[in-house]
Amino acid sequence: MLVLGIESSCDETAAALIEEQGGQPVLLSSVISTQIPLHRLYGGVIPELASRNHSTNLPGVLQEALEKARRTVQQVDVFAATAGPGLVAALLVGNTAAKALAAAAGKPYVAVNHLEGHLLSPFVQHPGGLVPHLGLVVSGGHTLLVHVRGCGQYELLGRSRDDAAGEAFDKVAKMLDLPYPGGPEIDRRAENGDPTRFDFPRPMLHEEHLDFSFSGLKTAVLYTLQKLAPGGDPHRLEEQTLCDICAGVRTAVLDVLLHKTLRAAAITGQRVVAVSGGVSCNADLRRRLAKACAERGLTAVLPPPAITTDNAAMIAYAGMLRAKAGAYSPLETPVDPNLTLCGARTRS
């Protein structure tokens, strides 16, 4: 089975091909065209510009993905695309392209939930494929803890009640006037900072439930800025102070994420912990998760950095698992910018 996946939910235009070989999925190609330089000028994603550039970039991205995989579109058995959540005009570009290719080729189409793609992404190239696990999806728009028993068998354990972890990073970065996207900039500066200098709050750390809240952390950083610099102007801060703030914020967020994730693993009895989404590329998160899991006899699984942010490899993989289960989608399936995963409301 050869699956072509297309992703266009936000500001990444992506295509990938996965083929089942000897019973195992093999990633043949994964191509991503990013719009970060364009949207950096505005400090965030402009939906109209994103959809317009998806339309411009997608033909070339598709062609490159096919060439790298050494396959033709006629050889594709299943076409998959992100159906939501995301920016509606952006979703329509990739989704419509996948449906048109499926209709022209007379092949099946699979509508993929973007969050399911992230949730399953650690297993795209994992030996043995998908296994039951405790999954943490942590990105700019989503923070979810999910008990995964198999493809399509998900139990929501916890979610963000306000700002997602990645969203908190991005908003703090904006306060500090760091370039977009802010999360990687905070991570980079945190490597040179002292995480103990500023004692930022760990929201809901000791609550019985497994939900998250990071809006209070953002407010604490705002008050700290106002104390450190006239008018809270980040440009009046010394570079070391800026790095220390970034390190403090990163540590506060990761303390909560890791505490709740490990607690959820203990509650469910799962011995495999998988973390996905853009924040899973965070250097300290990877170090601390590996150490914490090793100490508890757990197996930590993370996607390669190349497929932590929005990508089509995860869409092709989820599409393949859905197709193998016979869960094809009608061509009339609409995109849904507010699509949920096991009942969790999400942000586009």
Protein backbone atom coordinates (compact mmCIF):
# COMPACT_ATOMS: atom_id res chain seq x y z
CA MET A 1 0.00 0.00 0.00
CA LEU A 2 1.37 3.41 -1.04
CA VAL A 3 -0.15 6.45 0.70
CA LEU A 4 0.27 10.09 -0.26
CA GLY A 5 -0.38 12.52 2.59
CA ILE A 6 -0.95 16.28 2.31
CA GLU A 7 -0.81 18.80 5.18
CA SER A 8 -1.90 22.46 4.92
CA SER A 9 -3.63 23.25 8.21
CA CYS A 10 -1.63 26.38 9.06
CA ASP A 11 1.58 27.78 7.55
CA GLU A 12 3.40 24.64 6.39
CA THR A 13 2.72 23.17 2.95
CA ALA A 14 3.74 19.53 3.11
CA ALA A 15 3.51 16.26 1.21
CA ALA A 16 4.84 12.80 2.05
CA LEU A 17 4.69 9.24 0.78
CA ILE A 18 4.63 6.15 2.97
CA GLU A 19 4.65 2.62 1.60
CA GLU A 20 4.04 -0.63 3.43
CA GLN A 21 6.95 -2.96 2.76
CA GLY A 22 7.10 -6.38 4.36
CA GLY A 23 4.31 -5.44 6.72
CA GLN A 24 6.15 -2.32 7.94
CA PRO A 25 5.55 1.31 6.90
CA VAL A 26 8.52 2.94 5.20
CA LEU A 27 8.71 6.72 4.85
CA LEU A 28 9.82 7.31 1.26
CA SER A 29 9.73 11.09 1.28
CA SER A 30 8.65 14.05 3.40
CA VAL A 31 8.75 17.55 1.94
CA ILE A 32 7.85 20.71 3.86
CA SER A 33 7.66 24.24 2.49
CA THR A 34 7.56 26.65 5.41
CA GLN A 35 6.08 30.14 5.37
CA ILE A 36 7.84 31.25 8.58
CA PRO A 37 9.93 34.00 6.90
CA LEU A 38 6.76 35.48 5.40
CA HIS A 39 4.68 35.46 8.59
CA ARG A 40 7.60 36.57 10.77
CA LEU A 41 7.13 40.04 9.27
CA TYR A 42 3.73 40.20 11.00
CA GLY A 43 4.63 38.41 14.25
CA GLY A 44 2.19 35.57 13.55
CA VAL A 45 0.27 33.68 10.89
CA ILE A 46 -1.95 35.71 8.54
CA PRO A 47 -4.65 33.25 7.35
CA GLU A 48 -5.22 34.83 3.91
CA LEU A 49 -1.50 34.85 3.13
CA ALA A 50 -1.17 31.28 4.36
CA SER A 51 -3.90 29.91 2.08
CA ARG A 52 -2.67 31.89 -0.91
CA ASN A 53 0.85 30.54 -0.48
CA HIS A 54 -0.41 26.97 0.01
CA SER A 55 -2.01 27.23 -3.44
CA THR A 56 1.25 28.50 -4.91
CA ASN A 57 3.54 26.02 -3.15
CA LEU A 58 1.55 22.78 -3.23
CA PRO A 59 2.18 21.69 -6.86
CA GLY A 60 5.93 21.95 -6.43
CA VAL A 61 5.86 20.26 -3.02
CA LEU A 62 3.83 17.35 -4.43
CA GLN A 63 6.18 16.95 -7.38
CA GLU A 64 9.25 16.98 -5.14
CA ALA A 65 7.74 14.42 -2.77
CA LEU A 66 6.97 12.06 -5.66
CA GLU A 67 10.43 12.50 -7.18
CA LYS A 68 12.21 11.87 -3.87
CA ALA A 69 10.10 8.74 -3.34
CA ARG A 70 10.73 7.63 -6.95
CA ARG A 71 7.04 7.02 -7.38
CA THR A 72 4.38 8.40 -9.70
CA VAL A 73 0.96 9.67 -8.72
CA GLN A 74 -0.53 6.77 -10.67
CA GLN A 75 1.10 4.34 -8.23
CA VAL A 76 -0.54 5.87 -5.17
CA ASP A 77 -3.16 3.59 -3.58
CA VAL A 78 -4.62 6.01 -1.01
CA PHE A 79 -4.74 9.81 -0.81
CA ALA A 80 -4.90 11.37 2.66
CA ALA A 81 -5.13 14.99 3.80
CA THR A 82 -5.65 17.00 6.95
CA ALA A 83 -9.35 17.79 7.42
CA GLY A 84 -8.97 19.80 10.64
CA PRO A 85 -8.43 21.43 13.00
CA GLY A 86 -6.73 24.45 11.48
CA LEU A 87 -7.33 27.56 9.40
CA VAL A 88 -10.32 26.81 7.20
CA ALA A 89 -9.01 28.43 4.00
CA ALA A 90 -5.63 26.75 4.47
CA LEU A 91 -7.22 23.34 5.11
CA LEU A 92 -9.26 23.61 1.94
CA VAL A 93 -6.18 23.87 -0.27
CA GLY A 94 -4.57 20.56 0.68
CA ASN A 95 -7.85 18.79 1.31
CA THR A 96 -9.30 19.71 -2.07
CA ALA A 97 -6.09 18.68 -3.83
CA ALA A 98 -6.13 15.23 -2.20
CA LYS A 99 -9.79 14.71 -3.07
CA ALA A 100 -9.22 15.79 -6.68
CA LEU A 101 -6.28 13.40 -7.06
CA ALA A 102 -8.28 10.56 -5.51
CA ALA A 103 -11.25 11.22 -7.78
CA ALA A 104 -9.08 11.45 -10.90
CA ALA A 105 -7.22 8.24 -10.05
CA GLY A 106 -10.30 6.36 -8.87
CA LYS A 107 -8.56 5.65 -5.56
CA PRO A 108 -9.82 6.03 -1.97
CA TYR A 109 -9.46 9.15 0.14
CA VAL A 110 -8.91 9.43 3.91
CA ALA A 111 -9.68 12.57 5.93
CA VAL A 112 -7.14 12.80 8.76
CA ASN A 113 -7.49 14.62 12.06
CA HIS A 114 -4.41 16.82 12.45
CA LEU A 115 -4.24 15.99 16.17
CA GLU A 116 -4.37 12.27 15.44
CA GLY A 117 -1.47 12.80 13.05
CA HIS A 118 0.59 14.39 15.82
CA LEU A 119 -0.51 11.76 18.33
CA LEU A 120 0.71 8.91 16.11
CA SER A 121 3.80 10.66 14.69
CA PRO A 122 6.31 9.17 17.17
CA PHE A 123 5.59 5.77 15.59
CA VAL A 124 6.05 6.72 11.92
CA GLN A 125 9.57 5.28 11.93
CA HIS A 126 9.44 3.38 15.20
CA PRO A 127 10.44 -0.31 15.03
CA GLY A 128 7.33 -2.40 15.48
CA GLY A 129 4.99 0.46 14.61
CA LEU A 130 2.15 1.72 16.76
CA VAL A 131 1.78 0.21 20.25
CA PRO A 132 -0.54 1.09 23.15
CA HIS A 133 0.89 4.06 25.02
CA LEU A 134 0.34 7.25 26.97
CA GLY A 135 0.51 10.15 24.52
CA LEU A 136 1.22 13.82 25.17
CA VAL A 137 0.45 16.16 22.26
CA VAL A 138 2.03 19.53 22.97
CA SER A 139 2.14 22.29 20.37
CA GLY A 140 1.26 25.91 19.76
CA GLY A 141 -2.47 25.25 19.81
CA HIS A 142 -2.87 22.01 21.75
CA THR A 143 -1.86 20.33 25.00
CA LEU A 144 -3.51 16.93 25.37
CA LEU A 145 -2.89 13.78 27.40
CA VAL A 146 -4.37 10.76 25.65
CA HIS A 147 -4.49 7.06 26.51
CA VAL A 148 -3.92 5.31 23.18
CA ARG A 149 -4.98 1.67 22.90
CA GLY A 150 -4.75 1.56 19.09
CA CYS A 151 -5.54 3.60 15.99
CA GLY A 152 -8.87 5.34 16.62
CA GLN A 153 -9.02 4.05 20.21
CA TYR A 154 -8.33 7.15 22.27
CA GLU A 155 -9.30 8.23 25.76
CA LEU A 156 -8.78 11.87 26.66
CA LEU A 157 -7.19 12.19 30.11
CA GLY A 158 -6.26 15.87 30.25
CA ARG A 159 -6.15 19.04 28.18
CA SER A 160 -5.32 22.71 28.46
CA ARG A 161 -8.12 24.81 29.91
CA ASP A 162 -6.73 28.02 28.40
CA ASP A 163 -3.35 28.62 26.76
CA ALA A 164 -1.60 25.56 25.38
CA ALA A 165 2.06 25.09 26.34
CA GLY A 166 3.35 26.15 22.93
CA GLU A 167 0.98 29.09 22.94
CA ALA A 168 2.38 30.21 26.30
CA PHE A 169 5.91 30.02 24.89
CA ASP A 170 4.86 32.07 21.86
CA LYS A 171 3.09 34.73 23.93
CA VAL A 172 6.00 35.08 26.33
CA ALA A 173 8.34 35.38 23.34
CA LYS A 174 6.17 38.18 22.00
CA MET A 175 6.40 40.01 25.35
CA LEU A 176 10.18 39.68 25.11
CA ASP A 177 10.06 40.86 21.47
CA LEU A 178 11.73 37.67 20.24
CA PRO A 179 11.34 36.66 16.57
CA TYR A 180 8.41 34.49 15.44
CA PRO A 181 8.02 31.58 16.05
CA GLY A 182 8.77 32.24 19.69
CA GLY A 183 9.04 28.73 21.13
CA PRO A 184 12.37 27.82 19.48
CA GLU A 185 13.77 31.25 20.39
CA ILE A 186 12.94 30.71 24.07
CA ASP A 187 14.46 27.24 23.93
CA ARG A 188 17.67 28.57 22.36
CA ARG A 189 18.16 31.33 24.93
CA ALA A 190 17.16 29.06 27.82
CA GLU A 191 20.20 26.91 27.09
CA ASN A 192 22.35 29.83 28.34
CA GLY A 193 20.10 30.85 31.23
CA ASP A 194 19.73 30.12 34.93
CA PRO A 195 16.35 28.40 35.48
CA THR A 196 16.43 29.10 39.22
CA ARG A 197 16.79 32.89 39.10
CA PHE A 198 13.06 33.52 38.56
CA ASP A 199 10.50 31.37 40.39
CA PHE A 200 7.60 31.31 37.95
CA PRO A 201 4.37 29.49 38.90
CA ARG A 202 3.63 25.86 37.99
CA PRO A 203 -0.15 26.05 37.40
CA MET A 204 -2.25 23.06 38.45
CA LEU A 205 0.87 21.06 39.29
CA HIS A 206 -0.63 19.38 42.35
CA GLU A 207 -4.29 19.21 41.30
CA GLU A 208 -5.91 15.76 41.22
CA HIS A 209 -7.01 16.15 37.60
CA LEU A 210 -4.70 15.96 34.58
CA ASP A 211 -5.70 19.23 32.90
CA PHE A 212 -3.28 22.08 32.19
CA SER A 213 -3.36 25.87 32.46
CA PHE A 214 -0.57 28.19 31.35
CA SER A 215 -2.23 31.62 31.20
CA GLY A 216 -1.08 32.45 34.74
CA LEU A 217 2.53 31.83 33.78
CA LYS A 218 2.23 34.38 31.00
CA THR A 219 0.87 36.94 33.48
CA ALA A 220 3.70 36.25 35.93
CA VAL A 221 6.26 36.99 33.21
CA LEU A 222 4.48 40.27 32.41
CA TYR A 223 4.69 41.39 36.06
CA THR A 224 8.35 40.34 36.23
CA LEU A 225 9.15 42.42 33.15
CA GLN A 226 7.47 45.46 34.67
CA LYS A 227 9.65 45.12 37.79
CA LEU A 228 12.88 44.64 35.86
CA ALA A 229 12.62 47.34 33.20
CA PRO A 230 10.91 50.74 32.85
CA GLY A 231 7.56 50.20 31.18
CA GLY A 232 8.33 46.49 30.92
CA ASP A 233 10.51 47.20 27.90
CA PRO A 234 12.43 43.96 27.13
CA HIS A 235 15.03 45.92 25.17
CA ARG A 236 16.19 47.43 28.48
CA LEU A 237 17.14 43.99 29.82
CA GLU A 238 20.65 42.58 29.82
CA GLU A 239 21.08 39.55 27.58
CA GLN A 240 21.77 37.28 30.56
CA THR A 241 18.57 38.42 32.27
CA LEU A 242 16.65 37.64 29.07
CA CYS A 243 18.19 34.17 28.97
CA ASP A 244 17.36 33.61 32.65
CA ILE A 245 13.71 34.53 32.06
CA CYS A 246 13.56 32.10 29.12
CA ALA A 247 15.14 29.36 31.22
CA GLY A 248 12.69 29.99 34.06
CA VAL A 249 9.69 29.89 31.74
CA ARG A 250 10.89 26.73 30.02
CA THR A 251 11.50 24.95 33.30
CA ALA A 252 8.10 25.95 34.70
CA VAL A 253 6.25 24.65 31.64
CA LEU A 254 8.24 21.42 31.47
CA ASP A 255 7.82 20.75 35.19
CA VAL A 256 4.06 20.70 34.71
CA LEU A 257 4.12 18.72 31.45
CA LEU A 258 6.41 16.02 32.80
CA HIS A 259 4.72 15.73 36.20
CA LYS A 260 1.26 15.28 34.68
CA THR A 261 2.50 12.97 31.92
CA LEU A 262 4.29 10.63 34.31
CA ARG A 263 1.31 10.65 36.66
CA ALA A 264 -0.99 9.75 33.76
CA ALA A 265 1.32 6.89 32.79
CA ALA A 266 1.15 5.56 36.36
CA ILE A 267 -2.66 5.85 36.44
CA THR A 268 -3.11 4.01 33.13
CA GLY A 269 -0.35 1.50 33.75
CA GLN A 270 1.20 2.26 30.37
CA ARG A 271 4.91 1.52 30.07
CA VAL A 272 5.38 3.51 26.85
CA VAL A 273 5.23 7.32 26.88
CA ALA A 274 5.15 9.18 23.55
CA VAL A 275 5.41 12.95 23.17
CA SER A 276 4.60 14.77 19.93
CA GLY A 277 3.86 18.20 18.49
CA GLY A 278 6.14 21.16 17.92
CA VAL A 279 7.14 21.49 21.58
CA SER A 280 8.45 17.90 21.53
CA CYS A 281 11.46 19.33 19.70
CA ASN A 282 12.37 21.27 22.86
CA ALA A 283 15.91 20.25 23.85
CA ASP A 284 15.30 20.19 27.62
CA LEU A 285 12.02 18.31 27.29
CA ARG A 286 13.79 15.54 25.40
CA ARG A 287 16.58 15.33 27.98
CA ARG A 288 14.30 15.36 30.99
CA LEU A 289 11.75 12.93 29.54
CA ALA A 290 14.46 10.41 28.66
CA LYS A 291 15.94 10.64 32.16
CA ALA A 292 12.58 10.45 33.98
CA CYS A 293 11.40 7.46 31.93
CA ALA A 294 14.69 5.62 32.40
CA GLU A 295 14.44 6.09 36.18
CA ARG A 296 10.94 4.57 36.16
CA GLY A 297 11.57 1.74 33.72
CA LEU A 298 9.40 3.37 31.06
CA THR A 299 10.08 3.64 27.34
CA ALA A 300 10.10 7.17 25.91
CA VAL A 301 9.23 7.57 22.24
CA LEU A 302 9.59 10.89 20.40
CA PRO A 303 9.34 11.68 16.71
CA PRO A 304 12.50 12.74 14.85
CA PRO A 305 12.86 16.54 15.02
CA ALA A 306 12.02 16.79 11.31
CA ILE A 307 8.45 15.62 11.95
CA THR A 308 7.70 17.35 15.25
CA THR A 309 6.16 20.45 13.69
CA ASP A 310 3.37 20.29 11.10
CA ASN A 311 4.28 17.76 8.41
CA ALA A 312 2.68 15.33 5.99
CA ALA A 313 4.54 12.21 7.11
CA MET A 314 2.25 11.99 10.14
CA ILE A 315 -0.79 12.52 7.92
CA ALA A 316 0.27 9.79 5.50
CA TYR A 317 0.95 7.44 8.43
CA ALA A 318 -2.41 8.07 10.09
CA GLY A 319 -4.04 7.73 6.66
CA MET A 320 -2.35 4.36 6.14
CA LEU A 321 -3.52 3.02 9.51
CA ARG A 322 -7.05 4.24 8.80
CA ALA A 323 -7.00 2.71 5.31
CA LYS A 324 -5.77 -0.64 6.61
CA ALA A 325 -8.75 -0.63 8.97
CA GLY A 326 -11.08 0.13 6.04
CA ALA A 327 -11.91 3.58 7.45
CA TYR A 328 -12.08 5.47 4.16
CA SER A 329 -13.78 8.86 3.86
CA PRO A 330 -16.41 10.05 1.37
CA LEU A 331 -15.20 12.76 -0.99
CA GLU A 332 -18.00 14.92 0.46
CA THR A 333 -16.30 14.95 3.88
CA PRO A 334 -15.97 18.65 4.83
CA VAL A 335 -13.03 20.31 6.50
CA ASP A 336 -13.64 21.32 10.10
CA PRO A 337 -11.46 24.09 11.59
CA ASN A 338 -12.64 23.07 15.08
CA LEU A 339 -12.29 19.32 14.68
CA THR A 340 -11.72 17.60 18.03
CA LEU A 341 -9.89 14.51 19.17
CA CYS A 342 -11.97 12.39 21.56
CA GLY A 343 -14.07 15.37 22.60
CA ALA A 344 -11.31 17.89 23.35
CA ARG A 345 -12.05 21.37 22.10
CA THR A 346 -9.11 22.76 20.21
CA ARG A 347 -7.85 26.07 18.86
CA SER A 348 -7.13 26.71 15.20
